[in-house]
Amino acid sequence: NGNNACWGSTVVGLDEGDGWLRVPLEGSSRLLPFKLDGTWVLLCLETQIIGLWWIEDCTNQFRITKTPRGQLRFDWWVEGDWLFCTLRPQSQWLEGELVIAE
């Protein structure tokens, strides 16, 4: 009927971190379990981090983009303008750099 994911099909969704994948469908969304009765039924083929992001209870929009040199960049929308920083592995951080961490 178009509302079910067929076995062997590919879907795109958001890993909720609680064992469920949220898949957009016709203006709303559906949840698919990663496991059924302890058996994996969903496999992750690719992880996409580039794009727009929202953090719950936060009014600012975030996005991750790729620079022309192939570096990942974290951008956030603040008071009508995009601010950004380059994302690098911790092993590449330089002394004295501003580090924003949780």
PDB file of N, CA and C in Angstrom:
ATOM      1  N   ASN A   1       0.818  -1.210   0.000  1.00  0.00           N
ATOM      2  CA  ASN A   1       0.000   0.000   0.000  1.00  0.00           C
ATOM      3  C   ASN A   1       0.852   1.259   0.000  1.00  0.00           C
ATOM      4  N   GLY A   2       2.177   1.129  -0.055  1.00  0.00           N
ATOM      5  CA  GLY A   2       3.043   2.302  -0.088  1.00  0.00           C
ATOM      6  C   GLY A   2       3.429   2.824   1.276  1.00  0.00           C
ATOM      7  N   ASN A   3       2.798   2.327   2.334  1.00  0.00           N
ATOM      8  CA  ASN A   3       3.117   2.792   3.684  1.00  0.00           C
ATOM      9  C   ASN A   3       4.013   1.828   4.450  1.00  0.00           C
ATOM     10  N   ASN A   4       4.382   0.720   3.825  1.00  0.00           N
ATOM     11  CA  ASN A   4       5.215  -0.276   4.489  1.00  0.00           C
ATOM     12  C   ASN A   4       6.562  -0.388   3.797  1.00  0.00           C
ATOM     13  N   ALA A   5       7.608  -0.620   4.579  1.00  0.00           N
ATOM     14  CA  ALA A   5       8.933  -0.879   4.016  1.00  0.00           C
ATOM     15  C   ALA A   5       9.015  -2.371   3.718  1.00  0.00           C
ATOM     16  N   CYS A   6       9.257  -2.716   2.463  1.00  0.00           N
ATOM     17  CA  CYS A   6       9.346  -4.120   2.061  1.00  0.00           C
ATOM     18  C   CYS A   6      10.695  -4.696   2.459  1.00  0.00           C
ATOM     19  N   TRP A   7      10.713  -5.996   2.767  1.00  0.00           N
ATOM     20  CA  TRP A   7      11.957  -6.672   3.120  1.00  0.00           C
ATOM     21  C   TRP A   7      12.953  -6.519   1.980  1.00  0.00           C
ATOM     22  N   GLY A   8      14.172  -6.076   2.291  1.00  0.00           N
ATOM     23  CA  GLY A   8      15.201  -5.899   1.281  1.00  0.00           C
ATOM     24  C   GLY A   8      15.224  -4.519   0.655  1.00  0.00           C
ATOM     25  N   SER A   9      14.264  -3.671   1.010  1.00  0.00           N
ATOM     26  CA  SER A   9      14.230  -2.320   0.440  1.00  0.00           C
ATOM     27  C   SER A   9      15.187  -1.403   1.201  1.00  0.00           C
ATOM     28  N   THR A  10      15.443  -0.235   0.631  1.00  0.00           N
ATOM     29  CA  THR A  10      16.306   0.765   1.249  1.00  0.00           C
ATOM     30  C   THR A  10      15.457   1.952   1.675  1.00  0.00           C
ATOM     31  N   VAL A  11      15.661   2.414   2.900  1.00  0.00           N
ATOM     32  CA  VAL A  11      14.948   3.585   3.409  1.00  0.00           C
ATOM     33  C   VAL A  11      15.968   4.587   3.930  1.00  0.00           C
ATOM     34  N   VAL A  12      15.561   5.825   4.017  1.00  0.00           N
ATOM     35  CA  VAL A  12      16.395   6.879   4.585  1.00  0.00           C
ATOM     36  C   VAL A  12      15.672   7.393   5.817  1.00  0.00           C
ATOM     37  N   GLY A  13      16.390   7.494   6.925  1.00  0.00           N
ATOM     38  CA  GLY A  13      15.747   7.955   8.140  1.00  0.00           C
ATOM     39  C   GLY A  13      16.750   8.462   9.151  1.00  0.00           C
ATOM     40  N   LEU A  14      16.246   8.778  10.325  1.00  0.00           N
ATOM     41  CA  LEU A  14      17.042   9.321  11.422  1.00  0.00           C
ATOM     42  C   LEU A  14      17.096   8.300  12.545  1.00  0.00           C
ATOM     43  N   ASP A  15      18.312   7.903  12.940  1.00  0.00           N
ATOM     44  CA  ASP A  15      18.494   6.994  14.067  1.00  0.00           C
ATOM     45  C   ASP A  15      18.138   7.752  15.336  1.00  0.00           C
ATOM     46  N   GLU A  16      17.068   7.337  15.999  1.00  0.00           N
ATOM     47  CA  GLU A  16      16.603   8.010  17.208  1.00  0.00           C
ATOM     48  C   GLU A  16      17.491   7.707  18.416  1.00  0.00           C
ATOM     49  N   GLY A  17      18.401   6.739  18.294  1.00  0.00           N
ATOM     50  CA  GLY A  17      19.275   6.387  19.400  1.00  0.00           C
ATOM     51  C   GLY A  17      18.619   5.495  20.438  1.00  0.00           C
ATOM     52  N   ASP A  18      17.387   5.071  20.166  1.00  0.00           N
ATOM     53  CA  ASP A  18      16.658   4.235  21.117  1.00  0.00           C
ATOM     54  C   ASP A  18      16.235   2.903  20.505  1.00  0.00           C
ATOM     55  N   GLY A  19      16.906   2.521  19.412  1.00  0.00           N
ATOM     56  CA  GLY A  19      16.564   1.264  18.755  1.00  0.00           C
ATOM     57  C   GLY A  19      15.576   1.413  17.615  1.00  0.00           C
ATOM     58  N   TRP A  20      15.209   2.649  17.289  1.00  0.00           N
ATOM     59  CA  TRP A  20      14.231   2.898  16.232  1.00  0.00           C
ATOM     60  C   TRP A  20      14.798   3.855  15.190  1.00  0.00           C
ATOM     61  N   LEU A  21      14.380   3.669  13.944  1.00  0.00           N
ATOM     62  CA  LEU A  21      14.741   4.558  12.841  1.00  0.00           C
ATOM     63  C   LEU A  21      13.497   5.341  12.445  1.00  0.00           C
ATOM     64  N   ARG A  22      13.565   6.670  12.491  1.00  0.00           N
ATOM     65  CA  ARG A  22      12.431   7.518  12.091  1.00  0.00           C
ATOM     66  C   ARG A  22      12.545   7.787  10.594  1.00  0.00           C
ATOM     67  N   VAL A  23      11.509   7.367   9.855  1.00  0.00           N
ATOM     68  CA  VAL A  23      11.491   7.483   8.396  1.00  0.00           C
ATOM     69  C   VAL A  23      10.381   8.451   7.998  1.00  0.00           C
ATOM     70  N   PRO A  24      10.704   9.523   7.250  1.00  0.00           N
ATOM     71  CA  PRO A  24       9.660  10.461   6.818  1.00  0.00           C
ATOM     72  C   PRO A  24       8.699   9.794   5.837  1.00  0.00           C
ATOM     73  N   LEU A  25       7.403  10.111   5.981  1.00  0.00           N
ATOM     74  CA  LEU A  25       6.388   9.531   5.103  1.00  0.00           C
ATOM     75  C   LEU A  25       5.219  10.492   4.977  1.00  0.00           C
ATOM     76  N   GLU A  26       5.026  11.029   3.800  1.00  0.00           N
ATOM     77  CA  GLU A  26       3.854  11.852   3.473  1.00  0.00           C
ATOM     78  C   GLU A  26       3.562  12.921   4.523  1.00  0.00           C
ATOM     79  N   GLY A  27       4.541  13.733   4.870  1.00  0.00           N
ATOM     80  CA  GLY A  27       4.330  14.835   5.794  1.00  0.00           C
ATOM     81  C   GLY A  27       4.405  14.459   7.263  1.00  0.00           C
ATOM     82  N   SER A  28       4.500  13.183   7.567  1.00  0.00           N
ATOM     83  CA  SER A  28       4.684  12.760   8.958  1.00  0.00           C
ATOM     84  C   SER A  28       5.866  11.793   8.977  1.00  0.00           C
ATOM     85  N   SER A  29       5.870  10.845   9.871  1.00  0.00           N
ATOM     86  CA  SER A  29       6.966   9.877   9.897  1.00  0.00           C
ATOM     87  C   SER A  29       6.482   8.562  10.488  1.00  0.00           C
ATOM     88  N   ARG A  30       7.236   7.518  10.209  1.00  0.00           N
ATOM     89  CA  ARG A  30       6.990   6.186  10.766  1.00  0.00           C
ATOM     90  C   ARG A  30       8.264   5.729  11.449  1.00  0.00           C
ATOM     91  N   LEU A  31       8.134   4.823  12.396  1.00  0.00           N
ATOM     92  CA  LEU A  31       9.287   4.268  13.097  1.00  0.00           C
ATOM     93  C   LEU A  31       9.485   2.820  12.684  1.00  0.00           C
ATOM     94  N   LEU A  32      10.742   2.461  12.408  1.00  0.00           N
ATOM     95  CA  LEU A  32      11.103   1.083  12.096  1.00  0.00           C
ATOM     96  C   LEU A  32      12.088   0.604  13.156  1.00  0.00           C
ATOM     97  N   PRO A  33      11.905  -0.622  13.678  1.00  0.00           N
ATOM     98  CA  PRO A  33      12.844  -1.131  14.680  1.00  0.00           C
ATOM     99  C   PRO A  33      14.133  -1.623  14.026  1.00  0.00           C
ATOM    100  N   PHE A  34      15.251  -1.429  14.720  1.00  0.00           N
ATOM    101  CA  PHE A  34      16.510  -1.989  14.231  1.00  0.00           C
ATOM    102  C   PHE A  34      16.561  -3.493  14.485  1.00  0.00           C
ATOM    103  N   LYS A  35      15.921  -3.951  15.573  1.00  0.00           N
ATOM    104  CA  LYS A  35      15.921  -5.375  15.917  1.00  0.00           C
ATOM    105  C   LYS A  35      14.498  -5.853  16.162  1.00  0.00           C
ATOM    106  N   LEU A  36      14.250  -7.121  15.823  1.00  0.00           N
ATOM    107  CA  LEU A  36      13.006  -7.801  16.173  1.00  0.00           C
ATOM    108  C   LEU A  36      13.389  -9.087  16.890  1.00  0.00           C
ATOM    109  N   ASP A  37      12.870  -9.279  18.083  1.00  0.00           N
ATOM    110  CA  ASP A  37      13.187 -10.467  18.885  1.00  0.00           C
ATOM    111  C   ASP A  37      14.688 -10.705  18.982  1.00  0.00           C
ATOM    112  N   GLY A  38      15.471  -9.629  19.123  1.00  0.00           N
ATOM    113  CA  GLY A  38      16.911  -9.733  19.284  1.00  0.00           C
ATOM    114  C   GLY A  38      17.699  -9.923  18.001  1.00  0.00           C
ATOM    115  N   THR A  39      17.020  -9.974  16.854  1.00  0.00           N
ATOM    116  CA  THR A  39      17.684 -10.157  15.560  1.00  0.00           C
ATOM    117  C   THR A  39      17.672  -8.849  14.791  1.00  0.00           C
ATOM    118  N   TRP A  40      18.843  -8.450  14.270  1.00  0.00           N
ATOM    119  CA  TRP A  40      18.940  -7.219  13.491  1.00  0.00           C
ATOM    120  C   TRP A  40      18.119  -7.352  12.214  1.00  0.00           C
ATOM    121  N   VAL A  41      17.243  -6.384  11.967  1.00  0.00           N
ATOM    122  CA  VAL A  41      16.450  -6.371  10.733  1.00  0.00           C
ATOM    123  C   VAL A  41      16.746  -5.139   9.881  1.00  0.00           C
ATOM    124  N   LEU A  42      17.447  -4.160  10.456  1.00  0.00           N
ATOM    125  CA  LEU A  42      17.888  -2.983   9.698  1.00  0.00           C
ATOM    126  C   LEU A  42      19.404  -2.906   9.756  1.00  0.00           C
ATOM    127  N   LEU A  43      20.008  -2.642   8.626  1.00  0.00           N
ATOM    128  CA  LEU A  43      21.454  -2.456   8.540  1.00  0.00           C
ATOM    129  C   LEU A  43      21.725  -1.061   8.020  1.00  0.00           C
ATOM    130  N   CYS A  44      22.723  -0.402   8.578  1.00  0.00           N
ATOM    131  CA  CYS A  44      23.095   0.936   8.127  1.00  0.00           C
ATOM    132  C   CYS A  44      24.062   0.805   6.958  1.00  0.00           C
ATOM    133  N   LEU A  45      23.653   1.296   5.790  1.00  0.00           N
ATOM    134  CA  LEU A  45      24.504   1.246   4.607  1.00  0.00           C
ATOM    135  C   LEU A  45      25.414   2.453   4.521  1.00  0.00           C
ATOM    136  N   GLU A  46      24.952   3.593   5.050  1.00  0.00           N
ATOM    137  CA  GLU A  46      25.706   4.835   4.919  1.00  0.00           C
ATOM    138  C   GLU A  46      25.270   5.792   6.013  1.00  0.00           C
ATOM    139  N   THR A  47      26.210   6.563   6.520  1.00  0.00           N
ATOM    140  CA  THR A  47      25.899   7.592   7.504  1.00  0.00           C
ATOM    141  C   THR A  47      26.075   8.948   6.850  1.00  0.00           C
ATOM    142  N   GLN A  48      25.062   9.758   6.922  1.00  0.00           N
ATOM    143  CA  GLN A  48      25.099  11.093   6.323  1.00  0.00           C
ATOM    144  C   GLN A  48      25.099  12.120   7.443  1.00  0.00           C
ATOM    145  N   ILE A  49      26.184  12.875   7.548  1.00  0.00           N
ATOM    146  CA  ILE A  49      26.204  13.921   8.577  1.00  0.00           C
ATOM    147  C   ILE A  49      26.101  15.307   7.968  1.00  0.00           C
ATOM    148  N   ILE A  50      26.280  15.395   6.649  1.00  0.00           N
ATOM    149  CA  ILE A  50      26.208  16.699   5.990  1.00  0.00           C
ATOM    150  C   ILE A  50      24.743  17.066   5.799  1.00  0.00           C
ATOM    151  N   GLY A  51      24.381  18.284   6.168  1.00  0.00           N
ATOM    152  CA  GLY A  51      23.013  18.747   6.008  1.00  0.00           C
ATOM    153  C   GLY A  51      22.577  19.607   7.180  1.00  0.00           C
ATOM    154  N   LEU A  52      21.292  19.907   7.220  1.00  0.00           N
ATOM    155  CA  LEU A  52      20.730  20.731   8.296  1.00  0.00           C
ATOM    156  C   LEU A  52      20.433  19.872   9.511  1.00  0.00           C
ATOM    157  N   TRP A  53      20.649  20.443  10.687  1.00  0.00           N
ATOM    158  CA  TRP A  53      20.408  19.743  11.943  1.00  0.00           C
ATOM    159  C   TRP A  53      19.613  20.645  12.873  1.00  0.00           C
ATOM    160  N   TRP A  54      18.848  20.028  13.758  1.00  0.00           N
ATOM    161  CA  TRP A  54      18.139  20.761  14.809  1.00  0.00           C
ATOM    162  C   TRP A  54      18.445  20.092  16.131  1.00  0.00           C
ATOM    163  N   ILE A  55      18.647  20.880  17.153  1.00  0.00           N
ATOM    164  CA  ILE A  55      18.848  20.354  18.494  1.00  0.00           C
ATOM    165  C   ILE A  55      17.583  20.663  19.272  1.00  0.00           C
ATOM    166  N   GLU A  56      17.053  19.655  19.942  1.00  0.00           N
ATOM    167  CA  GLU A  56      15.794  19.805  20.659  1.00  0.00           C
ATOM    168  C   GLU A  56      15.847  20.988  21.620  1.00  0.00           C
ATOM    169  N   ASP A  57      14.782  21.765  21.649  1.00  0.00           N
ATOM    170  CA  ASP A  57      14.641  22.943  22.518  1.00  0.00           C
ATOM    171  C   ASP A  57      15.623  24.061  22.188  1.00  0.00           C
ATOM    172  N   CYS A  58      16.214  24.055  21.007  1.00  0.00           N
ATOM    173  CA  CYS A  58      17.137  25.112  20.596  1.00  0.00           C
ATOM    174  C   CYS A  58      16.509  25.857  19.421  1.00  0.00           C
ATOM    175  N   THR A  59      16.549  27.169  19.458  1.00  0.00           N
ATOM    176  CA  THR A  59      15.915  27.954  18.400  1.00  0.00           C
ATOM    177  C   THR A  59      16.840  28.208  17.221  1.00  0.00           C
ATOM    178  N   ASN A  60      18.130  27.942  17.363  1.00  0.00           N
ATOM    179  CA  ASN A  60      19.083  28.185  16.276  1.00  0.00           C
ATOM    180  C   ASN A  60      19.211  26.966  15.374  1.00  0.00           C
ATOM    181  N   GLN A  61      19.352  27.225  14.091  1.00  0.00           N
ATOM    182  CA  GLN A  61      19.524  26.165  13.115  1.00  0.00           C
ATOM    183  C   GLN A  61      21.018  25.868  12.951  1.00  0.00           C
ATOM    184  N   PHE A  62      21.356  24.603  12.750  1.00  0.00           N
ATOM    185  CA  PHE A  62      22.736  24.175  12.553  1.00  0.00           C
ATOM    186  C   PHE A  62      22.839  23.437  11.230  1.00  0.00           C
ATOM    187  N   ARG A  63      24.038  23.394  10.664  1.00  0.00           N
ATOM    188  CA  ARG A  63      24.256  22.568   9.483  1.00  0.00           C
ATOM    189  C   ARG A  63      25.717  22.139   9.451  1.00  0.00           C
ATOM    190  N   ILE A  64      25.961  21.028   8.793  1.00  0.00           N
ATOM    191  CA  ILE A  64      27.320  20.559   8.558  1.00  0.00           C
ATOM    192  C   ILE A  64      27.520  20.556   7.055  1.00  0.00           C
ATOM    193  N   THR A  65      28.581  21.223   6.603  1.00  0.00           N
ATOM    194  CA  THR A  65      28.880  21.325   5.173  1.00  0.00           C
ATOM    195  C   THR A  65      30.307  20.844   4.933  1.00  0.00           C
ATOM    196  N   LYS A  66      30.665  20.717   3.680  1.00  0.00           N
ATOM    197  CA  LYS A  66      32.025  20.327   3.315  1.00  0.00           C
ATOM    198  C   LYS A  66      32.655  21.481   2.556  1.00  0.00           C
ATOM    199  N   THR A  67      33.882  21.861   2.945  1.00  0.00           N
ATOM    200  CA  THR A  67      34.592  22.956   2.283  1.00  0.00           C
ATOM    201  C   THR A  67      35.148  22.469   0.944  1.00  0.00           C
ATOM    202  N   PRO A  68      35.553  23.392   0.058  1.00  0.00           N
ATOM    203  CA  PRO A  68      36.161  22.977  -1.212  1.00  0.00           C
ATOM    204  C   PRO A  68      37.403  22.095  -1.018  1.00  0.00           C
ATOM    205  N   ARG A  69      38.069  22.219   0.135  1.00  0.00           N
ATOM    206  CA  ARG A  69      39.245  21.385   0.420  1.00  0.00           C
ATOM    207  C   ARG A  69      38.871  20.057   1.063  1.00  0.00           C
ATOM    208  N   GLY A  70      37.567  19.798   1.204  1.00  0.00           N
ATOM    209  CA  GLY A  70      37.116  18.516   1.737  1.00  0.00           C
ATOM    210  C   GLY A  70      37.008  18.438   3.243  1.00  0.00           C
ATOM    211  N   GLN A  71      37.197  19.556   3.949  1.00  0.00           N
ATOM    212  CA  GLN A  71      37.061  19.556   5.405  1.00  0.00           C
ATOM    213  C   GLN A  71      35.592  19.723   5.783  1.00  0.00           C
ATOM    214  N   LEU A  72      35.208  19.124   6.902  1.00  0.00           N
ATOM    215  CA  LEU A  72      33.860  19.323   7.411  1.00  0.00           C
ATOM    216  C   LEU A  72      33.804  20.635   8.175  1.00  0.00           C
ATOM    217  N   ARG A  73      32.684  21.327   8.027  1.00  0.00           N
ATOM    218  CA  ARG A  73      32.505  22.617   8.679  1.00  0.00           C
ATOM    219  C   ARG A  73      31.161  22.619   9.390  1.00  0.00           C
ATOM    220  N   PHE A  74      31.146  23.096  10.632  1.00  0.00           N
ATOM    221  CA  PHE A  74      29.935  23.208  11.430  1.00  0.00           C
ATOM    222  C   PHE A  74      29.480  24.656  11.395  1.00  0.00           C
ATOM    223  N   ASP A  75      28.260  24.902  10.922  1.00  0.00           N
ATOM    224  CA  ASP A  75      27.705  26.256  10.815  1.00  0.00           C
ATOM    225  C   ASP A  75      26.481  26.363  11.722  1.00  0.00           C
ATOM    226  N   TRP A  76      26.285  27.505  12.333  1.00  0.00           N
ATOM    227  CA  TRP A  76      25.057  27.737  13.085  1.00  0.00           C
ATOM    228  C   TRP A  76      24.547  29.140  12.798  1.00  0.00           C
ATOM    229  N   TRP A  77      23.211  29.266  12.772  1.00  0.00           N
ATOM    230  CA  TRP A  77      22.512  30.492  12.420  1.00  0.00           C
ATOM    231  C   TRP A  77      22.269  31.292  13.690  1.00  0.00           C
ATOM    232  N   VAL A  78      22.880  32.479  13.788  1.00  0.00           N
ATOM    233  CA  VAL A  78      22.741  33.317  14.979  1.00  0.00           C
ATOM    234  C   VAL A  78      22.434  34.739  14.536  1.00  0.00           C
ATOM    235  N   GLU A  79      21.311  35.248  14.977  1.00  0.00           N
ATOM    236  CA  GLU A  79      20.911  36.634  14.731  1.00  0.00           C
ATOM    237  C   GLU A  79      21.058  37.047  13.273  1.00  0.00           C
ATOM    238  N   GLY A  80      20.572  36.209  12.366  1.00  0.00           N
ATOM    239  CA  GLY A  80      20.525  36.556  10.949  1.00  0.00           C
ATOM    240  C   GLY A  80      21.784  36.305  10.155  1.00  0.00           C
ATOM    241  N   ASP A  81      22.751  35.582  10.713  1.00  0.00           N
ATOM    242  CA  ASP A  81      23.985  35.305   9.974  1.00  0.00           C
ATOM    243  C   ASP A  81      24.512  33.929  10.361  1.00  0.00           C
ATOM    244  N   TRP A  82      25.218  33.285   9.420  1.00  0.00           N
ATOM    245  CA  TRP A  82      25.835  31.994   9.691  1.00  0.00           C
ATOM    246  C   TRP A  82      27.211  32.199  10.318  1.00  0.00           C
ATOM    247  N   LEU A  83      27.476  31.554  11.448  1.00  0.00           N
ATOM    248  CA  LEU A  83      28.801  31.478  12.056  1.00  0.00           C
ATOM    249  C   LEU A  83      29.310  30.066  11.800  1.00  0.00           C
ATOM    250  N   PHE A  84      30.626  29.888  11.719  1.00  0.00           N
ATOM    251  CA  PHE A  84      31.102  28.537  11.423  1.00  0.00           C
ATOM    252  C   PHE A  84      32.440  28.237  12.072  1.00  0.00           C
ATOM    253  N   CYS A  85      32.733  26.959  12.174  1.00  0.00           N
ATOM    254  CA  CYS A  85      34.052  26.479  12.590  1.00  0.00           C
ATOM    255  C   CYS A  85      34.337  25.198  11.818  1.00  0.00           C
ATOM    256  N   THR A  86      35.607  24.913  11.619  1.00  0.00           N
ATOM    257  CA  THR A  86      36.012  23.705  10.913  1.00  0.00           C
ATOM    258  C   THR A  86      36.041  22.544  11.899  1.00  0.00           C
ATOM    259  N   LEU A  87      35.518  21.405  11.475  1.00  0.00           N
ATOM    260  CA  LEU A  87      35.515  20.216  12.321  1.00  0.00           C
ATOM    261  C   LEU A  87      36.754  19.386  12.025  1.00  0.00           C
ATOM    262  N   ARG A  88      37.508  19.072  13.079  1.00  0.00           N
ATOM    263  CA  ARG A  88      38.716  18.260  12.925  1.00  0.00           C
ATOM    264  C   ARG A  88      38.768  17.224  14.037  1.00  0.00           C
ATOM    265  N   PRO A  89      39.428  16.105  13.787  1.00  0.00           N
ATOM    266  CA  PRO A  89      39.619  15.129  14.865  1.00  0.00           C
ATOM    267  C   PRO A  89      40.404  15.762  16.014  1.00  0.00           C
ATOM    268  N   GLN A  90      40.176  15.297  17.224  1.00  0.00           N
ATOM    269  CA  GLN A  90      40.846  15.870  18.394  1.00  0.00           C
ATOM    270  C   GLN A  90      42.360  15.812  18.249  1.00  0.00           C
ATOM    271  N   SER A  91      42.868  14.803  17.570  1.00  0.00           N
ATOM    272  CA  SER A  91      44.321  14.680  17.399  1.00  0.00           C
ATOM    273  C   SER A  91      44.907  15.831  16.580  1.00  0.00           C
ATOM    274  N   GLN A  92      44.054  16.579  15.848  1.00  0.00           N
ATOM    275  CA  GLN A  92      44.520  17.693  15.024  1.00  0.00           C
ATOM    276  C   GLN A  92      44.245  19.057  15.651  1.00  0.00           C
ATOM    277  N   TRP A  93      43.709  19.084  16.879  1.00  0.00           N
ATOM    278  CA  TRP A  93      43.465  20.361  17.540  1.00  0.00           C
ATOM    279  C   TRP A  93      44.793  21.028  17.851  1.00  0.00           C
ATOM    280  N   LEU A  94      44.843  22.338  17.734  1.00  0.00           N
ATOM    281  CA  LEU A  94      46.051  23.102  18.032  1.00  0.00           C
ATOM    282  C   LEU A  94      45.926  23.757  19.401  1.00  0.00           C
ATOM    283  N   GLU A  95      47.032  23.919  20.092  1.00  0.00           N
ATOM    284  CA  GLU A  95      47.022  24.551  21.405  1.00  0.00           C
ATOM    285  C   GLU A  95      46.489  25.975  21.286  1.00  0.00           C
ATOM    286  N   GLY A  96      45.602  26.344  22.183  1.00  0.00           N
ATOM    287  CA  GLY A  96      45.040  27.686  22.187  1.00  0.00           C
ATOM    288  C   GLY A  96      43.786  27.830  21.346  1.00  0.00           C
ATOM    289  N   GLU A  97      43.373  26.777  20.644  1.00  0.00           N
ATOM    290  CA  GLU A  97      42.154  26.865  19.847  1.00  0.00           C
ATOM    291  C   GLU A  97      40.932  26.842  20.754  1.00  0.00           C
ATOM    292  N   LEU A  98      39.895  27.516  20.314  1.00  0.00           N
ATOM    293  CA  LEU A  98      38.622  27.474  21.013  1.00  0.00           C
ATOM    294  C   LEU A  98      37.990  26.116  20.751  1.00  0.00           C
ATOM    295  N   VAL A  99      37.658  25.416  21.801  1.00  0.00           N
ATOM    296  CA  VAL A  99      37.035  24.101  21.675  1.00  0.00           C
ATOM    297  C   VAL A  99      35.674  24.180  22.337  1.00  0.00           C
ATOM    298  N   ILE A 100      34.635  23.862  21.588  1.00  0.00           N
ATOM    299  CA  ILE A 100      33.282  23.839  22.129  1.00  0.00           C
ATOM    300  C   ILE A 100      32.916  22.381  22.304  1.00  0.00           C
ATOM    301  N   ALA A 101      32.703  21.966  23.538  1.00  0.00           N
ATOM    302  CA  ALA A 101      32.406  20.563  23.813  1.00  0.00           C
ATOM    303  C   ALA A 101      31.341  20.476  24.881  1.00  0.00           C
ATOM    304  N   GLU A 102      30.661  19.341  24.887  1.00  0.00           N
ATOM    305  CA  GLU A 102      29.620  19.129  25.871  1.00  0.00           C
ATOM    306  C   GLU A 102      30.224  18.618  27.149  1.00  0.00           C
TER     307      GLU A 102
END
